[in-house]
């Protein structure tokens, strides 16, 4: 079985876009989403912090680590 881990960190909000890092356990890929979608996901509880202050890694917000096992 292969185990996949995924986490998203929001690095900054810039000109209507949320600039994020998508971590897969093996890679870190920069992704962007409209700021509106970021706020909708915050309302849904997808991100685990309020996004008002940066943490020690300079991250505005983050998700839990999602794990999926597949055959």
PDB file of N, CA and C in Angstrom:
ATOM      1  N   UNK A   1       0.831  -1.189   0.000  1.00  0.00           N
ATOM      2  CA  UNK A   1       0.000   0.000   0.000  1.00  0.00           C
ATOM      3  C   UNK A   1       0.874   1.251   0.000  1.00  0.00           C
ATOM      4  N   UNK A   2       0.416   2.252  -0.707  1.00  0.00           N
ATOM      5  CA  UNK A   2       1.096   3.530  -0.742  1.00  0.00           C
ATOM      6  C   UNK A   2       0.304   4.518   0.095  1.00  0.00           C
ATOM      7  N   UNK A   3       1.008   5.260   0.921  1.00  0.00           N
ATOM      8  CA  UNK A   3       0.350   6.256   1.761  1.00  0.00           C
ATOM      9  C   UNK A   3       0.636   7.643   1.209  1.00  0.00           C
ATOM     10  N   UNK A   4      -0.408   8.442   1.045  1.00  0.00           N
ATOM     11  CA  UNK A   4      -0.281   9.806   0.558  1.00  0.00           C
ATOM     12  C   UNK A   4      -0.623  10.764   1.686  1.00  0.00           C
ATOM     13  N   UNK A   5       0.203  11.787   1.854  1.00  0.00           N
ATOM     14  CA  UNK A   5      -0.048  12.827   2.844  1.00  0.00           C
ATOM     15  C   UNK A   5      -0.136  14.156   2.119  1.00  0.00           C
ATOM     16  N   UNK A   6      -1.121  14.958   2.481  1.00  0.00           N
ATOM     17  CA  UNK A   6      -1.314  16.260   1.843  1.00  0.00           C
ATOM     18  C   UNK A   6      -1.594  17.302   2.923  1.00  0.00           C
ATOM     19  N   UNK A   7      -0.969  18.458   2.770  1.00  0.00           N
ATOM     20  CA  UNK A   7      -1.229  19.600   3.647  1.00  0.00           C
ATOM     21  C   UNK A   7      -1.065  20.867   2.822  1.00  0.00           C
ATOM     22  N   UNK A   8      -1.851  21.886   3.133  1.00  0.00           N
ATOM     23  CA  UNK A   8      -1.771  23.165   2.433  1.00  0.00           C
ATOM     24  C   UNK A   8      -1.462  24.260   3.445  1.00  0.00           C
ATOM     25  N   UNK A   9      -0.429  25.054   3.154  1.00  0.00           N
ATOM     26  CA  UNK A   9      -0.102  26.241   3.935  1.00  0.00           C
ATOM     27  C   UNK A   9      -0.396  27.473   3.100  1.00  0.00           C
ATOM     28  N   UNK A  10      -1.059  28.456   3.697  1.00  0.00           N
ATOM     29  CA  UNK A  10      -1.308  29.727   3.026  1.00  0.00           C
ATOM     30  C   UNK A  10      -0.165  30.664   3.401  1.00  0.00           C
ATOM     31  N   UNK A  11       0.613  31.066   2.408  1.00  0.00           N
ATOM     32  CA  UNK A  11       1.785  31.912   2.643  1.00  0.00           C
ATOM     33  C   UNK A  11       1.430  33.400   2.631  1.00  0.00           C
ATOM     34  N   UNK A  12       0.564  33.822   1.704  1.00  0.00           N
ATOM     35  CA  UNK A  12       0.183  35.240   1.640  1.00  0.00           C
ATOM     36  C   UNK A  12      -1.078  35.413   0.809  1.00  0.00           C
ATOM     37  N   UNK A  13      -1.723  36.543   1.034  1.00  0.00           N
ATOM     38  CA  UNK A  13      -2.855  36.975   0.219  1.00  0.00           C
ATOM     39  C   UNK A  13      -2.355  38.169  -0.570  1.00  0.00           C
ATOM     40  N   UNK A  14      -2.444  38.086  -1.892  1.00  0.00           N
ATOM     41  CA  UNK A  14      -1.870  39.132  -2.735  1.00  0.00           C
ATOM     42  C   UNK A  14      -2.761  39.393  -3.941  1.00  0.00           C
ATOM     43  N   UNK A  15      -3.251  40.614  -4.055  1.00  0.00           N
ATOM     44  CA  UNK A  15      -4.055  41.045  -5.205  1.00  0.00           C
ATOM     45  C   UNK A  15      -5.214  40.105  -5.508  1.00  0.00           C
ATOM     46  N   UNK A  16      -5.918  39.673  -4.451  1.00  0.00           N
ATOM     47  CA  UNK A  16      -7.100  38.838  -4.639  1.00  0.00           C
ATOM     48  C   UNK A  16      -6.828  37.348  -4.762  1.00  0.00           C
ATOM     49  N   UNK A  17      -5.581  36.937  -4.510  1.00  0.00           N
ATOM     50  CA  UNK A  17      -5.210  35.531  -4.623  1.00  0.00           C
ATOM     51  C   UNK A  17      -4.578  35.051  -3.340  1.00  0.00           C
ATOM     52  N   UNK A  18      -4.850  33.806  -2.975  1.00  0.00           N
ATOM     53  CA  UNK A  18      -4.182  33.154  -1.849  1.00  0.00           C
ATOM     54  C   UNK A  18      -3.028  32.340  -2.427  1.00  0.00           C
ATOM     55  N   UNK A  19      -1.806  32.692  -2.030  1.00  0.00           N
ATOM     56  CA  UNK A  19      -0.603  31.997  -2.493  1.00  0.00           C
ATOM     57  C   UNK A  19      -0.300  30.910  -1.461  1.00  0.00           C
ATOM     58  N   UNK A  20      -0.275  29.668  -1.905  1.00  0.00           N
ATOM     59  CA  UNK A  20      -0.190  28.541  -0.979  1.00  0.00           C
ATOM     60  C   UNK A  20       0.927  27.582  -1.373  1.00  0.00           C
ATOM     61  N   UNK A  21       1.358  26.795  -0.404  1.00  0.00           N
ATOM     62  CA  UNK A  21       2.227  25.658  -0.660  1.00  0.00           C
ATOM     63  C   UNK A  21       1.418  24.392  -0.403  1.00  0.00           C
ATOM     64  N   UNK A  22       1.440  23.488  -1.370  1.00  0.00           N
ATOM     65  CA  UNK A  22       0.803  22.186  -1.252  1.00  0.00           C
ATOM     66  C   UNK A  22       1.912  21.166  -1.011  1.00  0.00           C
ATOM     67  N   UNK A  23       1.862  20.524   0.149  1.00  0.00           N
ATOM     68  CA  UNK A  23       2.871  19.520   0.507  1.00  0.00           C
ATOM     69  C   UNK A  23       2.269  18.136   0.323  1.00  0.00           C
ATOM     70  N   UNK A  24       3.002  17.265  -0.363  1.00  0.00           N
ATOM     71  CA  UNK A  24       2.514  15.911  -0.610  1.00  0.00           C
ATOM     72  C   UNK A  24       3.315  14.865   0.145  1.00  0.00           C
ATOM     73  N   UNK A  25       4.240  15.271   0.967  1.00  0.00           N
ATOM     74  CA  UNK A  25       5.117  14.338   1.641  1.00  0.00           C
ATOM     75  C   UNK A  25       6.416  14.156   0.887  1.00  0.00           C
ATOM     76  N   UNK A  26       6.344  14.262  -0.434  1.00  0.00           N
ATOM     77  CA  UNK A  26       7.536  14.160  -1.267  1.00  0.00           C
ATOM     78  C   UNK A  26       7.869  15.480  -1.950  1.00  0.00           C
ATOM     79  N   UNK A  27       6.873  16.303  -2.142  1.00  0.00           N
ATOM     80  CA  UNK A  27       7.066  17.551  -2.888  1.00  0.00           C
ATOM     81  C   UNK A  27       6.367  18.716  -2.196  1.00  0.00           C
ATOM     82  N   UNK A  28       6.843  19.900  -2.527  1.00  0.00           N
ATOM     83  CA  UNK A  28       6.179  21.145  -2.150  1.00  0.00           C
ATOM     84  C   UNK A  28       5.923  21.897  -3.446  1.00  0.00           C
ATOM     85  N   UNK A  29       4.646  22.151  -3.729  1.00  0.00           N
ATOM     86  CA  UNK A  29       4.265  22.803  -4.978  1.00  0.00           C
ATOM     87  C   UNK A  29       3.480  24.068  -4.652  1.00  0.00           C
ATOM     88  N   UNK A  30       3.850  25.176  -5.296  1.00  0.00           N
ATOM     89  CA  UNK A  30       3.105  26.415  -5.097  1.00  0.00           C
ATOM     90  C   UNK A  30       1.801  26.352  -5.883  1.00  0.00           C
ATOM     91  N   UNK A  31       0.708  26.678  -5.213  1.00  0.00           N
ATOM     92  CA  UNK A  31      -0.606  26.744  -5.848  1.00  0.00           C
ATOM     93  C   UNK A  31      -1.258  28.061  -5.454  1.00  0.00           C
ATOM     94  N   UNK A  32      -2.166  28.522  -6.288  1.00  0.00           N
ATOM     95  CA  UNK A  32      -2.906  29.747  -5.991  1.00  0.00           C
ATOM     96  C   UNK A  32      -4.395  29.457  -6.100  1.00  0.00           C
ATOM     97  N   UNK A  33      -5.168  30.194  -5.327  1.00  0.00           N
ATOM     98  CA  UNK A  33      -6.622  30.103  -5.428  1.00  0.00           C
ATOM     99  C   UNK A  33      -7.186  31.510  -5.232  1.00  0.00           C
ATOM    100  N   UNK A  34      -8.333  31.781  -5.806  1.00  0.00           N
ATOM    101  CA  UNK A  34      -8.945  33.079  -5.570  1.00  0.00           C
ATOM    102  C   UNK A  34      -9.160  33.300  -4.066  1.00  0.00           C
ATOM    103  N   UNK A  35      -8.926  34.511  -3.624  1.00  0.00           N
ATOM    104  CA  UNK A  35      -9.083  34.840  -2.206  1.00  0.00           C
ATOM    105  C   UNK A  35     -10.492  34.492  -1.721  1.00  0.00           C
ATOM    106  N   UNK A  36     -11.467  34.678  -2.581  1.00  0.00           N
ATOM    107  CA  UNK A  36     -12.856  34.342  -2.230  1.00  0.00           C
ATOM    108  C   UNK A  36     -12.975  32.858  -1.855  1.00  0.00           C
ATOM    109  N   UNK A  37     -12.343  31.983  -2.617  1.00  0.00           N
ATOM    110  CA  UNK A  37     -12.406  30.552  -2.323  1.00  0.00           C
ATOM    111  C   UNK A  37     -11.693  30.231  -1.016  1.00  0.00           C
ATOM    112  N   UNK A  38     -10.582  30.912  -0.765  1.00  0.00           N
ATOM    113  CA  UNK A  38      -9.871  30.734   0.498  1.00  0.00           C
ATOM    114  C   UNK A  38     -10.782  31.071   1.679  1.00  0.00           C
ATOM    115  N   UNK A  39     -11.488  32.198   1.594  1.00  0.00           N
ATOM    116  CA  UNK A  39     -12.386  32.592   2.692  1.00  0.00           C
ATOM    117  C   UNK A  39     -13.565  31.622   2.827  1.00  0.00           C
ATOM    118  N   UNK A  40     -14.051  31.107   1.721  1.00  0.00           N
ATOM    119  CA  UNK A  40     -15.119  30.100   1.783  1.00  0.00           C
ATOM    120  C   UNK A  40     -14.629  28.832   2.481  1.00  0.00           C
ATOM    121  N   UNK A  41     -13.410  28.402   2.161  1.00  0.00           N
ATOM    122  CA  UNK A  41     -12.846  27.220   2.814  1.00  0.00           C
ATOM    123  C   UNK A  41     -12.602  27.471   4.303  1.00  0.00           C
ATOM    124  N   UNK A  42     -12.234  28.699   4.658  1.00  0.00           N
ATOM    125  CA  UNK A  42     -12.094  29.040   6.081  1.00  0.00           C
ATOM    126  C   UNK A  42     -13.432  28.896   6.793  1.00  0.00           C
ATOM    127  N   UNK A  43     -14.502  29.389   6.182  1.00  0.00           N
ATOM    128  CA  UNK A  43     -15.834  29.282   6.776  1.00  0.00           C
ATOM    129  C   UNK A  43     -16.251  27.825   6.935  1.00  0.00           C
ATOM    130  N   UNK A  44     -15.804  26.972   6.024  1.00  0.00           N
ATOM    131  CA  UNK A  44     -16.138  25.538   6.081  1.00  0.00           C
ATOM    132  C   UNK A  44     -15.298  24.784   7.104  1.00  0.00           C
ATOM    133  N   UNK A  45     -14.280  25.431   7.675  1.00  0.00           N
ATOM    134  CA  UNK A  45     -13.421  24.783   8.659  1.00  0.00           C
ATOM    135  C   UNK A  45     -12.285  23.971   8.059  1.00  0.00           C
ATOM    136  N   UNK A  46     -12.022  24.156   6.757  1.00  0.00           N
ATOM    137  CA  UNK A  46     -10.951  23.418   6.080  1.00  0.00           C
ATOM    138  C   UNK A  46      -9.577  23.849   6.607  1.00  0.00           C
ATOM    139  N   UNK A  47      -9.404  25.158   6.818  1.00  0.00           N
ATOM    140  CA  UNK A  47      -8.168  25.668   7.412  1.00  0.00           C
ATOM    141  C   UNK A  47      -8.355  25.724   8.919  1.00  0.00           C
ATOM    142  N   UNK A  48      -7.282  25.466   9.675  1.00  0.00           N
ATOM    143  CA  UNK A  48      -7.444  25.254  11.112  1.00  0.00           C
ATOM    144  C   UNK A  48      -7.178  26.489  11.974  1.00  0.00           C
ATOM    145  N   UNK A  49      -6.737  27.586  11.368  1.00  0.00           N
ATOM    146  CA  UNK A  49      -6.500  28.806  12.137  1.00  0.00           C
ATOM    147  C   UNK A  49      -7.328  29.951  11.574  1.00  0.00           C
ATOM    148  N   UNK A  50      -7.297  31.096  12.264  1.00  0.00           N
ATOM    149  CA  UNK A  50      -8.113  32.222  11.819  1.00  0.00           C
ATOM    150  C   UNK A  50      -7.477  33.027  10.693  1.00  0.00           C
ATOM    151  N   UNK A  51      -6.198  32.819  10.395  1.00  0.00           N
ATOM    152  CA  UNK A  51      -5.540  33.496   9.290  1.00  0.00           C
ATOM    153  C   UNK A  51      -5.197  34.946   9.543  1.00  0.00           C
ATOM    154  N   UNK A  52      -5.237  35.378  10.798  1.00  0.00           N
ATOM    155  CA  UNK A  52      -4.969  36.780  11.109  1.00  0.00           C
ATOM    156  C   UNK A  52      -3.511  37.050  11.491  1.00  0.00           C
ATOM    157  N   UNK A  53      -2.826  36.016  11.970  1.00  0.00           N
ATOM    158  CA  UNK A  53      -1.439  36.186  12.388  1.00  0.00           C
ATOM    159  C   UNK A  53      -0.583  35.086  11.782  1.00  0.00           C
ATOM    160  N   UNK A  54       0.652  35.429  11.499  1.00  0.00           N
ATOM    161  CA  UNK A  54       1.596  34.445  10.976  1.00  0.00           C
ATOM    162  C   UNK A  54       2.210  33.646  12.116  1.00  0.00           C
ATOM    163  N   UNK A  55       2.527  32.391  11.833  1.00  0.00           N
ATOM    164  CA  UNK A  55       3.189  31.565  12.837  1.00  0.00           C
ATOM    165  C   UNK A  55       4.710  31.699  12.704  1.00  0.00           C
ATOM    166  N   UNK A  56       5.454  30.902  13.445  1.00  0.00           N
ATOM    167  CA  UNK A  56       6.915  31.011  13.442  1.00  0.00           C
ATOM    168  C   UNK A  56       7.526  30.637  12.089  1.00  0.00           C
ATOM    169  N   UNK A  57       6.778  29.919  11.248  1.00  0.00           N
ATOM    170  CA  UNK A  57       7.250  29.579   9.906  1.00  0.00           C
ATOM    171  C   UNK A  57       6.772  30.594   8.861  1.00  0.00           C
ATOM    172  N   UNK A  58       6.193  31.718   9.325  1.00  0.00           N
ATOM    173  CA  UNK A  58       5.684  32.795   8.468  1.00  0.00           C
ATOM    174  C   UNK A  58       4.485  32.352   7.628  1.00  0.00           C
ATOM    175  N   UNK A  59       3.680  31.442   8.165  1.00  0.00           N
ATOM    176  CA  UNK A  59       2.493  30.906   7.487  1.00  0.00           C
ATOM    177  C   UNK A  59       1.254  31.567   8.074  1.00  0.00           C
ATOM    178  N   UNK A  60       0.352  32.031   7.198  1.00  0.00           N
ATOM    179  CA  UNK A  60      -0.895  32.652   7.648  1.00  0.00           C
ATOM    180  C   UNK A  60      -1.914  31.635   8.138  1.00  0.00           C
ATOM    181  N   UNK A  61      -2.014  30.530   7.420  1.00  0.00           N
ATOM    182  CA  UNK A  61      -3.007  29.522   7.767  1.00  0.00           C
ATOM    183  C   UNK A  61      -2.545  28.173   7.242  1.00  0.00           C
ATOM    184  N   UNK A  62      -3.159  27.123   7.731  1.00  0.00           N
ATOM    185  CA  UNK A  62      -2.769  25.774   7.325  1.00  0.00           C
ATOM    186  C   UNK A  62      -3.959  24.837   7.464  1.00  0.00           C
ATOM    187  N   UNK A  63      -3.821  23.655   6.889  1.00  0.00           N
ATOM    188  CA  UNK A  63      -4.818  22.617   7.059  1.00  0.00           C
ATOM    189  C   UNK A  63      -4.254  21.545   7.966  1.00  0.00           C
ATOM    190  N   UNK A  64      -5.103  20.629   8.362  1.00  0.00           N
ATOM    191  CA  UNK A  64      -4.607  19.403   8.978  1.00  0.00           C
ATOM    192  C   UNK A  64      -3.826  18.638   7.908  1.00  0.00           C
ATOM    193  N   UNK A  65      -3.108  17.625   8.331  1.00  0.00           N
ATOM    194  CA  UNK A  65      -2.460  16.722   7.387  1.00  0.00           C
ATOM    195  C   UNK A  65      -3.465  15.643   7.041  1.00  0.00           C
ATOM    196  N   UNK A  66      -3.790  15.522   5.759  1.00  0.00           N
ATOM    197  CA  UNK A  66      -4.731  14.511   5.292  1.00  0.00           C
ATOM    198  C   UNK A  66      -3.943  13.316   4.777  1.00  0.00           C
ATOM    199  N   UNK A  67      -4.351  12.134   5.177  1.00  0.00           N
ATOM    200  CA  UNK A  67      -3.659  10.911   4.796  1.00  0.00           C
ATOM    201  C   UNK A  67      -4.645   9.979   4.101  1.00  0.00           C
ATOM    202  N   UNK A  68      -4.189   9.383   3.019  1.00  0.00           N
ATOM    203  CA  UNK A  68      -5.003   8.443   2.267  1.00  0.00           C
ATOM    204  C   UNK A  68      -4.153   7.226   1.952  1.00  0.00           C
ATOM    205  N   UNK A  69      -4.657   6.071   2.235  1.00  0.00           N
ATOM    206  CA  UNK A  69      -3.963   4.840   1.876  1.00  0.00           C
ATOM    207  C   UNK A  69      -4.644   4.223   0.678  1.00  0.00           C
ATOM    208  N   UNK A  70      -3.840   3.828  -0.309  1.00  0.00           N
ATOM    209  CA  UNK A  70      -4.404   3.167  -1.479  1.00  0.00           C
ATOM    210  C   UNK A  70      -3.602   1.916  -1.793  1.00  0.00           C
ATOM    211  N   UNK A  71      -4.227   1.006  -2.475  1.00  0.00           N
ATOM    212  CA  UNK A  71      -3.561  -0.262  -2.815  1.00  0.00           C
ATOM    213  C   UNK A  71      -2.596  -0.074  -3.961  1.00  0.00           C
TER     214      UNK A  71
END
